[in-house]
C-alpha atoms as a PDB file:
ATOM      1  CA  MET A   1     -53.838 -36.001 127.578  1.00  0.00           C
ATOM      2  CA  SER A   2     -56.867 -37.504 130.485  1.00  0.00           C
ATOM      3  CA  LEU A   3     -55.244 -39.818 132.531  1.00  0.00           C
ATOM      4  CA  ARG A   4     -57.153 -42.786 131.331  1.00  0.00           C
ATOM      5  CA  SER A   5     -54.820 -42.539 128.050  1.00  0.00           C
ATOM      6  CA  ILE A   6     -52.055 -41.798 130.296  1.00  0.00           C
ATOM      7  CA  PHE A   7     -52.804 -45.463 131.705  1.00  0.00           C
ATOM      8  CA  VAL A   8     -52.689 -46.798 128.595  1.00  0.00           C
ATOM      9  CA  THR A   9     -49.568 -45.939 126.775  1.00  0.00           C
ATOM     10  CA  VAL A  10     -48.053 -46.904 130.381  1.00  0.00           C
ATOM     11  CA  ILE A  11     -49.531 -50.531 129.395  1.00  0.00           C
ATOM     12  CA  ILE A  12     -48.066 -50.881 126.878  1.00  0.00           C
ATOM     13  CA  PHE A  13     -44.752 -49.032 127.575  1.00  0.00           C
ATOM     14  CA  CYS A  14     -44.452 -51.917 130.000  1.00  0.00           C
ATOM     15  CA  ALA A  15     -45.622 -54.750 127.926  1.00  0.00           C
ATOM     16  CA  ALA A  16     -43.111 -53.794 125.203  1.00  0.00           C
ATOM     17  CA  LEU A  17     -40.169 -53.733 127.619  1.00  0.00           C
ATOM     18  CA  TYR A  18     -41.120 -56.789 129.044  1.00  0.00           C
ATOM     19  CA  TRP A  19     -41.547 -58.457 125.346  1.00  0.00           C
ATOM     20  CA  LEU A  20     -38.129 -56.612 124.700  1.00  0.00           C
ATOM     21  CA  ARG A  21     -36.428 -57.840 127.215  1.00  0.00           C
ATOM     22  CA  ALA A  22     -37.985 -61.309 127.531  1.00  0.00           C
ATOM     23  CA  ARG A  23     -36.880 -61.497 124.012  1.00  0.00           C
ATOM     24  CA  GLU A  24     -32.932 -60.984 124.532  1.00  0.00           C
ATOM     25  CA  LEU A  25     -33.796 -63.354 127.549  1.00  0.00           C
ATOM     26  CA  LYS A  26     -34.200 -66.229 125.451  1.00  0.00           C
ATOM     27  CA  ASP A  27     -32.453 -65.426 122.545  1.00  0.00           C
ATOM     28  CA  HIS A  28     -29.630 -65.497 125.872  1.00  0.00           C
ATOM     29  CA  ILE A  29     -30.531 -68.626 126.675  1.00  0.00           C
ATOM     30  CA  LEU A  30     -30.560 -70.513 123.380  1.00  0.00           C
ATOM     31  CA  LYS A  31     -26.915 -69.791 122.762  1.00  0.00           C
ATOM     32  CA  TYR A  32     -26.146 -70.798 126.558  1.00  0.00           C
ATOM     33  CA  ALA A  33     -27.635 -74.259 124.996  1.00  0.00           C
ATOM     34  CA  ALA A  34     -26.548 -73.969 121.766  1.00  0.00           C
ATOM     35  CA  LYS A  35     -22.635 -74.089 123.441  1.00  0.00           C
ATOM     36  CA  HIS A  36     -22.845 -76.363 125.903  1.00  0.00           C
ATOM     37  CA  CYS A  37     -24.255 -78.639 123.697  1.00  0.00           C
ATOM     38  CA  ASP A  38     -20.967 -78.194 121.479  1.00  0.00           C
ATOM     39  CA  GLU A  39     -19.246 -78.849 124.626  1.00  0.00           C
ATOM     40  CA  LEU A  40     -20.667 -81.993 124.740  1.00  0.00           C
ATOM     41  CA  SER A  41     -20.554 -83.338 121.305  1.00  0.00           C
ATOM     42  CA  LEU A  42     -23.873 -83.126 120.496  1.00  0.00           C
ATOM     43  CA  LYS A  43     -26.255 -80.933 118.035  1.00  0.00           C
ATOM     44  CA  LEU A  44     -29.081 -78.848 118.386  1.00  0.00           C
ATOM     45  CA  LEU A  45     -31.920 -79.525 117.726  1.00  0.00           C
ATOM     46  CA  ASP A  46     -35.007 -76.823 116.126  1.00  0.00           C
ATOM     47  CA  GLU A  47     -32.473 -74.126 116.976  1.00  0.00           C
ATOM     48  CA  SER A  48     -35.161 -72.933 119.237  1.00  0.00           C
ATOM     49  CA  VAL A  49     -36.086 -73.675 122.992  1.00  0.00           C
ATOM     50  CA  VAL A  50     -39.696 -72.704 124.388  1.00  0.00           C
ATOM     51  CA  LEU A  51     -40.291 -71.229 127.898  1.00  0.00           C
ATOM     52  CA  LYS A  52     -42.514 -74.056 129.999  1.00  0.00           C
ATOM     53  CA  GLU A  53     -42.858 -72.474 133.236  1.00  0.00           C
ATOM     54  CA  PHE A  54     -42.411 -68.527 134.356  1.00  0.00           C
ATOM     55  CA  LYS A  55     -42.907 -68.189 138.118  1.00  0.00           C
ATOM     56  CA  PRO A  56     -42.235 -65.637 140.975  1.00  0.00           C
ATOM     57  CA  ALA A  57     -39.960 -67.223 143.368  1.00  0.00           C
ATOM     58  CA  ARG A  58     -38.003 -66.603 146.552  1.00  0.00           C
ATOM     59  CA  THR A  59     -34.259 -65.602 146.134  1.00  0.00           C
ATOM     60  CA  THR A  60     -32.007 -67.420 149.070  1.00  0.00           C
ATOM     61  CA  LYS A  61     -31.782 -63.738 150.625  1.00  0.00           C
ATOM     62  CA  GLY A  62     -35.095 -63.194 150.368  1.00  0.00           C
ATOM     63  CA  GLY A  63     -36.099 -60.986 147.892  1.00  0.00           C
ATOM     64  CA  LEU A  64     -38.192 -61.847 144.812  1.00  0.00           C
ATOM     65  CA  ALA A  65     -37.748 -62.932 141.270  1.00  0.00           C
ATOM     66  CA  ILE A  66     -39.106 -65.035 138.566  1.00  0.00           C
ATOM     67  CA  LYS A  67     -37.623 -68.181 137.780  1.00  0.00           C
ATOM     68  CA  ARG A  68     -37.998 -69.212 133.984  1.00  0.00           C
ATOM     69  CA  ARG A  69     -38.191 -73.272 132.724  1.00  0.00           C
ATOM     70  CA  TYR A  70     -36.569 -73.815 129.155  1.00  0.00           C
ATOM     71  CA  GLU A  71     -36.988 -77.356 126.571  1.00  0.00           C
ATOM     72  CA  PHE A  72     -35.132 -77.436 123.934  1.00  0.00           C
ATOM     73  CA  ASP A  73     -34.277 -80.070 121.998  1.00  0.00           C
ATOM     74  CA  PHE A  74     -31.133 -82.044 120.887  1.00  0.00           C
ATOM     75  CA  THR A  75     -29.340 -85.479 119.391  1.00  0.00           C
ATOM     76  CA  SER A  76     -26.434 -86.995 119.717  1.00  0.00           C
ATOM     77  CA  THR A  77     -26.155 -89.691 117.152  1.00  0.00           C
ATOM     78  CA  GLY A  78     -28.080 -87.919 114.591  1.00  0.00           C
ATOM     79  CA  GLU A  79     -31.114 -89.784 115.189  1.00  0.00           C
ATOM     80  CA  ASP A  80     -32.890 -90.225 118.704  1.00  0.00           C
ATOM     81  CA  ARG A  81     -34.662 -87.231 120.227  1.00  0.00           C
ATOM     82  CA  TYR A  82     -33.525 -86.063 123.078  1.00  0.00           C
ATOM     83  CA  GLN A  83     -34.948 -83.259 125.699  1.00  0.00           C
ATOM     84  CA  GLY A  84     -32.767 -80.944 128.055  1.00  0.00           C
ATOM     85  CA  GLU A  85     -34.274 -77.980 130.085  1.00  0.00           C
ATOM     86  CA  ILE A  86     -32.522 -75.569 131.234  1.00  0.00           C
ATOM     87  CA  VAL A  87     -33.366 -73.226 135.005  1.00  0.00           C
ATOM     88  CA  ILE A  88     -33.109 -69.334 135.225  1.00  0.00           C
ATOM     89  CA  PHE A  89     -33.299 -67.360 138.377  1.00  0.00           C
ATOM     90  CA  GLY A  90     -34.189 -63.691 137.694  1.00  0.00           C
ATOM     91  CA  ARG A  91     -31.531 -63.575 134.757  1.00  0.00           C
ATOM     92  CA  HIS A  92     -28.302 -66.003 136.389  1.00  0.00           C
ATOM     93  CA  ILE A  93     -28.900 -69.608 135.303  1.00  0.00           C
ATOM     94  CA  GLU A  94     -29.875 -72.120 137.583  1.00  0.00           C
ATOM     95  CA  HIS A  95     -28.831 -75.539 136.582  1.00  0.00           C
ATOM     96  CA  ILE A  96     -28.758 -77.305 132.447  1.00  0.00           C
ATOM     97  CA  LYS A  97     -30.173 -80.937 132.611  1.00  0.00           C
ATOM     98  CA  LEU A  98     -29.932 -83.747 129.852  1.00  0.00           C
ATOM     99  CA  ASP A  99     -32.102 -86.673 129.447  1.00  0.00           C
ATOM    100  CA  THR A 100     -29.777 -89.632 129.105  1.00  0.00           C
ATOM    101  CA  HIS A 101     -28.863 -90.248 125.718  1.00  0.00           C
ATOM    102  CA  ARG A 102     -26.160 -92.571 123.848  1.00  0.00           C
ATOM    103  CA  VAL A 103     -23.207 -91.280 123.383  1.00  0.00           C
ATOM    104  CA  GLN A 104     -21.250 -92.211 120.167  1.00  0.00           C
END
């Protein structure tokens, strides 16, 4: 096996591992968004969250972690559509924010 083929294999393995972990994290965020909406008597729309931001950031201890911002849509009345966002830092949820919405 040549050095080049080993390098390509490692790159492919790392990409596959990243994709699997990102998929797992997105599923976790989707469940968290659905639970949060249920607790507030809201309905999560489209059963999806969308990654809108992905960047390295400093932790409070000075280390580096990935900061991700996901957006999702929800409704309070069944007629209007509002947006929410979840920001995670590493694997910990930093905050969740919902647009101002009508309460039934």
